[in-house]
Amino acid sequence: MIRHAMAVFALLALLASPVVGQLPTKPTLTLEAAKEVASSAEAEARANGWNVVIAIVDDGAHLIYLQRMDGTQIGSVEVAIEKAMSAVLYRRSTEAFRDAVGEGNLTVLGLPGAMPVEGGLPLSVNDQTIGGIGVSGVPPEYDGAIARSGLRAFETMH
């Protein structure tokens, strides 16, 4: 009887206590937002007559949207995805890796998933990376300009 009463008391105490370890909420990158980011990037590319691939990945570096403009080389598909993934995995632009290699820091080349070519940018909200954009198809500095256009569109969303 005493054991039963103690078990009931313990259960009531557990039910009355505040929930510990609640999961935090976090912003997520939606398909609709990814399409808007890509649309802005595409507008920049079209304005300059550049055919590119635009890849948008989520916070787990998984592809959620890909757009290959007509006439863009097929090899740029994987490069754009890798740039977006790299930006998410390391929470920095792929330009930072390019600069590090240019300064002689060749250890960057051994980092898994690090793409040392301009054109990949993280998409962040309140210092939390929730996705990335990668662009490939033209010289890297132009890929970077197109990706920055997509990033600007993303920043106006929040």
C-alpha atoms as a PDB file:
ATOM      1  CA  MET A   1       0.000   0.000   0.000  1.00  0.00           C
ATOM      2  CA  ILE A   2       2.803   2.417   0.874  1.00  0.00           C
ATOM      3  CA  ARG A   3       4.582   1.561  -2.379  1.00  0.00           C
ATOM      4  CA  HIS A   4       1.403   2.238  -4.326  1.00  0.00           C
ATOM      5  CA  ALA A   5       0.912   5.603  -2.598  1.00  0.00           C
ATOM      6  CA  MET A   6       4.540   6.576  -3.319  1.00  0.00           C
ATOM      7  CA  ALA A   7       4.143   5.659  -6.982  1.00  0.00           C
ATOM      8  CA  VAL A   8       0.965   7.750  -7.246  1.00  0.00           C
ATOM      9  CA  PHE A   9       2.693  10.667  -5.488  1.00  0.00           C
ATOM     10  CA  ALA A  10       5.699  10.428  -7.839  1.00  0.00           C
ATOM     11  CA  LEU A  11       3.425  10.355 -10.878  1.00  0.00           C
ATOM     12  CA  LEU A  12       1.480  13.395  -9.670  1.00  0.00           C
ATOM     13  CA  ALA A  13       4.716  15.277  -8.977  1.00  0.00           C
ATOM     14  CA  LEU A  14       5.955  14.468 -12.476  1.00  0.00           C
ATOM     15  CA  LEU A  15       2.732  15.638 -14.080  1.00  0.00           C
ATOM     16  CA  ALA A  16       2.701  18.863 -12.084  1.00  0.00           C
ATOM     17  CA  SER A  17       6.304  19.823 -12.877  1.00  0.00           C
ATOM     18  CA  PRO A  18       7.122  21.992 -15.874  1.00  0.00           C
ATOM     19  CA  VAL A  19       8.257  20.144 -18.976  1.00  0.00           C
ATOM     20  CA  VAL A  20      12.026  19.988 -19.062  1.00  0.00           C
ATOM     21  CA  GLY A  21      13.925  19.820 -22.309  1.00  0.00           C
ATOM     22  CA  GLN A  22      11.356  21.379 -24.594  1.00  0.00           C
ATOM     23  CA  LEU A  23      12.512  21.609 -28.155  1.00  0.00           C
ATOM     24  CA  PRO A  24      13.283  25.108 -29.374  1.00  0.00           C
ATOM     25  CA  THR A  25      11.588  26.475 -32.432  1.00  0.00           C
ATOM     26  CA  LYS A  26      13.691  27.497 -35.378  1.00  0.00           C
ATOM     27  CA  PRO A  27      13.090  29.136 -38.720  1.00  0.00           C
ATOM     28  CA  THR A  28      13.102  26.854 -41.745  1.00  0.00           C
ATOM     29  CA  LEU A  29      13.627  27.497 -45.407  1.00  0.00           C
ATOM     30  CA  THR A  30      10.430  26.732 -47.310  1.00  0.00           C
ATOM     31  CA  LEU A  31      10.146  25.701 -50.929  1.00  0.00           C
ATOM     32  CA  GLU A  32       8.323  28.963 -51.653  1.00  0.00           C
ATOM     33  CA  ALA A  33      11.161  31.009 -50.135  1.00  0.00           C
ATOM     34  CA  ALA A  34      13.734  28.941 -52.040  1.00  0.00           C
ATOM     35  CA  LYS A  35      11.917  29.690 -55.284  1.00  0.00           C
ATOM     36  CA  GLU A  36      11.922  33.434 -54.506  1.00  0.00           C
ATOM     37  CA  VAL A  37      15.668  33.363 -53.787  1.00  0.00           C
ATOM     38  CA  ALA A  38      16.303  31.503 -57.042  1.00  0.00           C
ATOM     39  CA  SER A  39      14.020  33.854 -58.971  1.00  0.00           C
ATOM     40  CA  SER A  40      15.993  36.874 -57.818  1.00  0.00           C
ATOM     41  CA  ALA A  41      19.259  35.173 -58.695  1.00  0.00           C
ATOM     42  CA  GLU A  42      17.883  34.237 -62.102  1.00  0.00           C
ATOM     43  CA  ALA A  43      16.841  37.850 -62.766  1.00  0.00           C
ATOM     44  CA  GLU A  44      20.436  38.951 -62.107  1.00  0.00           C
ATOM     45  CA  ALA A  45      21.780  36.264 -64.430  1.00  0.00           C
ATOM     46  CA  ARG A  46      19.320  37.108 -67.207  1.00  0.00           C
ATOM     47  CA  ALA A  47      20.039  40.850 -66.910  1.00  0.00           C
ATOM     48  CA  ASN A  48      23.661  40.053 -67.715  1.00  0.00           C
ATOM     49  CA  GLY A  49      23.046  37.364 -70.325  1.00  0.00           C
ATOM     50  CA  TRP A  50      24.532  34.623 -68.129  1.00  0.00           C
ATOM     51  CA  ASN A  51      23.219  31.041 -68.185  1.00  0.00           C
ATOM     52  CA  VAL A  52      23.700  29.346 -64.832  1.00  0.00           C
ATOM     53  CA  VAL A  53      22.500  26.663 -62.485  1.00  0.00           C
ATOM     54  CA  ILE A  54      21.021  27.855 -59.182  1.00  0.00           C
ATOM     55  CA  ALA A  55      20.828  25.393 -56.295  1.00  0.00           C
ATOM     56  CA  ILE A  56      19.099  25.999 -52.968  1.00  0.00           C
ATOM     57  CA  VAL A  57      19.686  23.625 -50.035  1.00  0.00           C
ATOM     58  CA  ASP A  58      18.156  23.450 -46.559  1.00  0.00           C
ATOM     59  CA  ASP A  59      19.937  23.561 -43.177  1.00  0.00           C
ATOM     60  CA  GLY A  60      20.931  19.912 -43.549  1.00  0.00           C
ATOM     61  CA  ALA A  61      22.572  20.698 -46.917  1.00  0.00           C
ATOM     62  CA  HIS A  62      19.873  18.758 -48.779  1.00  0.00           C
ATOM     63  CA  LEU A  63      18.730  20.051 -52.139  1.00  0.00           C
ATOM     64  CA  ILE A  64      15.278  21.617 -52.067  1.00  0.00           C
ATOM     65  CA  TYR A  65      15.299  23.555 -55.337  1.00  0.00           C
ATOM     66  CA  LEU A  66      17.395  23.478 -58.494  1.00  0.00           C
ATOM     67  CA  GLN A  67      17.096  25.565 -61.612  1.00  0.00           C
ATOM     68  CA  ARG A  68      19.224  25.035 -64.720  1.00  0.00           C
ATOM     69  CA  MET A  69      18.834  27.803 -67.253  1.00  0.00           C
ATOM     70  CA  ASP A  70      18.750  26.819 -70.916  1.00  0.00           C
ATOM     71  CA  GLY A  71      22.195  26.450 -72.425  1.00  0.00           C
ATOM     72  CA  THR A  72      24.028  25.945 -69.122  1.00  0.00           C
ATOM     73  CA  GLN A  73      26.626  23.187 -69.150  1.00  0.00           C
ATOM     74  CA  ILE A  74      25.574  20.029 -67.326  1.00  0.00           C
ATOM     75  CA  GLY A  75      28.707  20.023 -65.164  1.00  0.00           C
ATOM     76  CA  SER A  76      27.469  23.153 -63.433  1.00  0.00           C
ATOM     77  CA  VAL A  77      24.594  21.224 -61.827  1.00  0.00           C
ATOM     78  CA  GLU A  78      26.840  19.378 -59.362  1.00  0.00           C
ATOM     79  CA  VAL A  79      29.098  22.399 -58.856  1.00  0.00           C
ATOM     80  CA  ALA A  80      26.149  24.633 -57.873  1.00  0.00           C
ATOM     81  CA  ILE A  81      24.863  21.998 -55.443  1.00  0.00           C
ATOM     82  CA  GLU A  82      28.331  21.561 -53.909  1.00  0.00           C
ATOM     83  CA  LYS A  83      28.717  25.325 -53.473  1.00  0.00           C
ATOM     84  CA  ALA A  84      25.364  25.578 -51.668  1.00  0.00           C
ATOM     85  CA  MET A  85      26.188  22.562 -49.487  1.00  0.00           C
ATOM     86  CA  SER A  86      29.612  23.961 -48.593  1.00  0.00           C
ATOM     87  CA  ALA A  87      28.067  27.282 -47.532  1.00  0.00           C
ATOM     88  CA  VAL A  88      25.709  25.440 -45.163  1.00  0.00           C
ATOM     89  CA  LEU A  89      28.211  22.914 -43.810  1.00  0.00           C
ATOM     90  CA  TYR A  90      30.720  25.594 -42.844  1.00  0.00           C
ATOM     91  CA  ARG A  91      28.334  28.557 -42.419  1.00  0.00           C
ATOM     92  CA  ARG A  92      30.384  30.821 -44.655  1.00  0.00           C
ATOM     93  CA  SER A  93      30.721  31.817 -48.258  1.00  0.00           C
ATOM     94  CA  THR A  94      32.706  29.613 -50.557  1.00  0.00           C
ATOM     95  CA  GLU A  95      34.642  32.766 -51.400  1.00  0.00           C
ATOM     96  CA  ALA A  96      36.209  32.513 -47.912  1.00  0.00           C
ATOM     97  CA  PHE A  97      37.669  29.124 -48.858  1.00  0.00           C
ATOM     98  CA  ARG A  98      38.909  30.499 -52.171  1.00  0.00           C
ATOM     99  CA  ASP A  99      40.635  33.348 -50.338  1.00  0.00           C
ATOM    100  CA  ALA A 100      42.212  30.960 -47.822  1.00  0.00           C
ATOM    101  CA  VAL A 101      43.650  28.801 -50.607  1.00  0.00           C
ATOM    102  CA  GLY A 102      44.870  31.938 -52.393  1.00  0.00           C
ATOM    103  CA  GLU A 103      46.694  32.924 -49.200  1.00  0.00           C
ATOM    104  CA  GLY A 104      48.428  29.557 -49.163  1.00  0.00           C
ATOM    105  CA  ASN A 105      46.203  27.741 -46.663  1.00  0.00           C
ATOM    106  CA  LEU A 106      46.024  24.454 -48.547  1.00  0.00           C
ATOM    107  CA  THR A 107      44.534  22.597 -45.571  1.00  0.00           C
ATOM    108  CA  VAL A 108      41.190  23.952 -46.791  1.00  0.00           C
ATOM    109  CA  LEU A 109      41.464  21.553 -49.737  1.00  0.00           C
ATOM    110  CA  GLY A 110      41.304  18.645 -47.272  1.00  0.00           C
ATOM    111  CA  LEU A 111      38.097  19.778 -45.567  1.00  0.00           C
ATOM    112  CA  PRO A 112      35.204  17.493 -46.526  1.00  0.00           C
ATOM    113  CA  GLY A 113      32.685  19.390 -48.612  1.00  0.00           C
ATOM    114  CA  ALA A 114      34.618  22.675 -48.664  1.00  0.00           C
ATOM    115  CA  MET A 115      34.321  24.236 -52.123  1.00  0.00           C
ATOM    116  CA  PRO A 116      37.013  26.892 -52.684  1.00  0.00           C
ATOM    117  CA  VAL A 117      35.218  28.583 -55.582  1.00  0.00           C
ATOM    118  CA  GLU A 118      33.095  31.728 -55.309  1.00  0.00           C
ATOM    119  CA  GLY A 119      29.338  31.356 -55.767  1.00  0.00           C
ATOM    120  CA  GLY A 120      28.072  29.708 -52.571  1.00  0.00           C
ATOM    121  CA  LEU A 121      26.468  31.657 -49.712  1.00  0.00           C
ATOM    122  CA  PRO A 122      24.710  30.659 -46.490  1.00  0.00           C
ATOM    123  CA  LEU A 123      21.151  31.834 -45.896  1.00  0.00           C
ATOM    124  CA  SER A 124      20.849  32.822 -42.239  1.00  0.00           C
ATOM    125  CA  VAL A 125      18.255  34.199 -39.847  1.00  0.00           C
ATOM    126  CA  ASN A 126      19.462  35.638 -36.515  1.00  0.00           C
ATOM    127  CA  ASP A 127      22.906  34.086 -37.006  1.00  0.00           C
ATOM    128  CA  GLN A 128      21.342  30.661 -37.619  1.00  0.00           C
ATOM    129  CA  THR A 129      22.066  29.101 -40.998  1.00  0.00           C
ATOM    130  CA  ILE A 130      18.850  27.697 -42.446  1.00  0.00           C
ATOM    131  CA  GLY A 131      20.003  27.046 -46.002  1.00  0.00           C
ATOM    132  CA  GLY A 132      22.374  27.965 -48.759  1.00  0.00           C
ATOM    133  CA  ILE A 133      22.507  29.109 -52.367  1.00  0.00           C
ATOM    134  CA  GLY A 134      25.013  27.916 -54.927  1.00  0.00           C
ATOM    135  CA  VAL A 135      25.464  29.245 -58.447  1.00  0.00           C
ATOM    136  CA  SER A 136      27.611  27.862 -61.255  1.00  0.00           C
ATOM    137  CA  GLY A 137      27.930  28.392 -64.981  1.00  0.00           C
ATOM    138  CA  VAL A 138      29.950  31.538 -65.536  1.00  0.00           C
ATOM    139  CA  PRO A 139      33.265  32.740 -64.109  1.00  0.00           C
ATOM    140  CA  PRO A 140      33.220  32.477 -60.292  1.00  0.00           C
ATOM    141  CA  GLU A 141      33.057  36.224 -59.633  1.00  0.00           C
ATOM    142  CA  TYR A 142      29.851  36.365 -61.700  1.00  0.00           C
ATOM    143  CA  ASP A 143      28.486  33.265 -59.949  1.00  0.00           C
ATOM    144  CA  GLY A 144      29.110  35.163 -56.705  1.00  0.00           C
ATOM    145  CA  ALA A 145      27.265  38.257 -57.934  1.00  0.00           C
ATOM    146  CA  ILE A 146      24.256  36.134 -58.897  1.00  0.00           C
ATOM    147  CA  ALA A 147      24.278  34.351 -55.519  1.00  0.00           C
ATOM    148  CA  ARG A 148      24.460  37.709 -53.712  1.00  0.00           C
ATOM    149  CA  SER A 149      21.350  38.813 -55.595  1.00  0.00           C
ATOM    150  CA  GLY A 150      19.535  35.748 -54.270  1.00  0.00           C
ATOM    151  CA  LEU A 151      20.846  36.464 -50.759  1.00  0.00           C
ATOM    152  CA  ARG A 152      19.534  40.043 -50.904  1.00  0.00           C
ATOM    153  CA  ALA A 153      16.076  38.727 -51.800  1.00  0.00           C
ATOM    154  CA  PHE A 154      16.266  36.297 -48.881  1.00  0.00           C
ATOM    155  CA  GLU A 155      17.249  39.077 -46.458  1.00  0.00           C
ATOM    156  CA  THR A 156      14.156  41.089 -47.405  1.00  0.00           C
ATOM    157  CA  MET A 157      11.930  38.139 -46.423  1.00  0.00           C
ATOM    158  CA  HIS A 158      12.598  38.435 -42.701  1.00  0.00           C
END
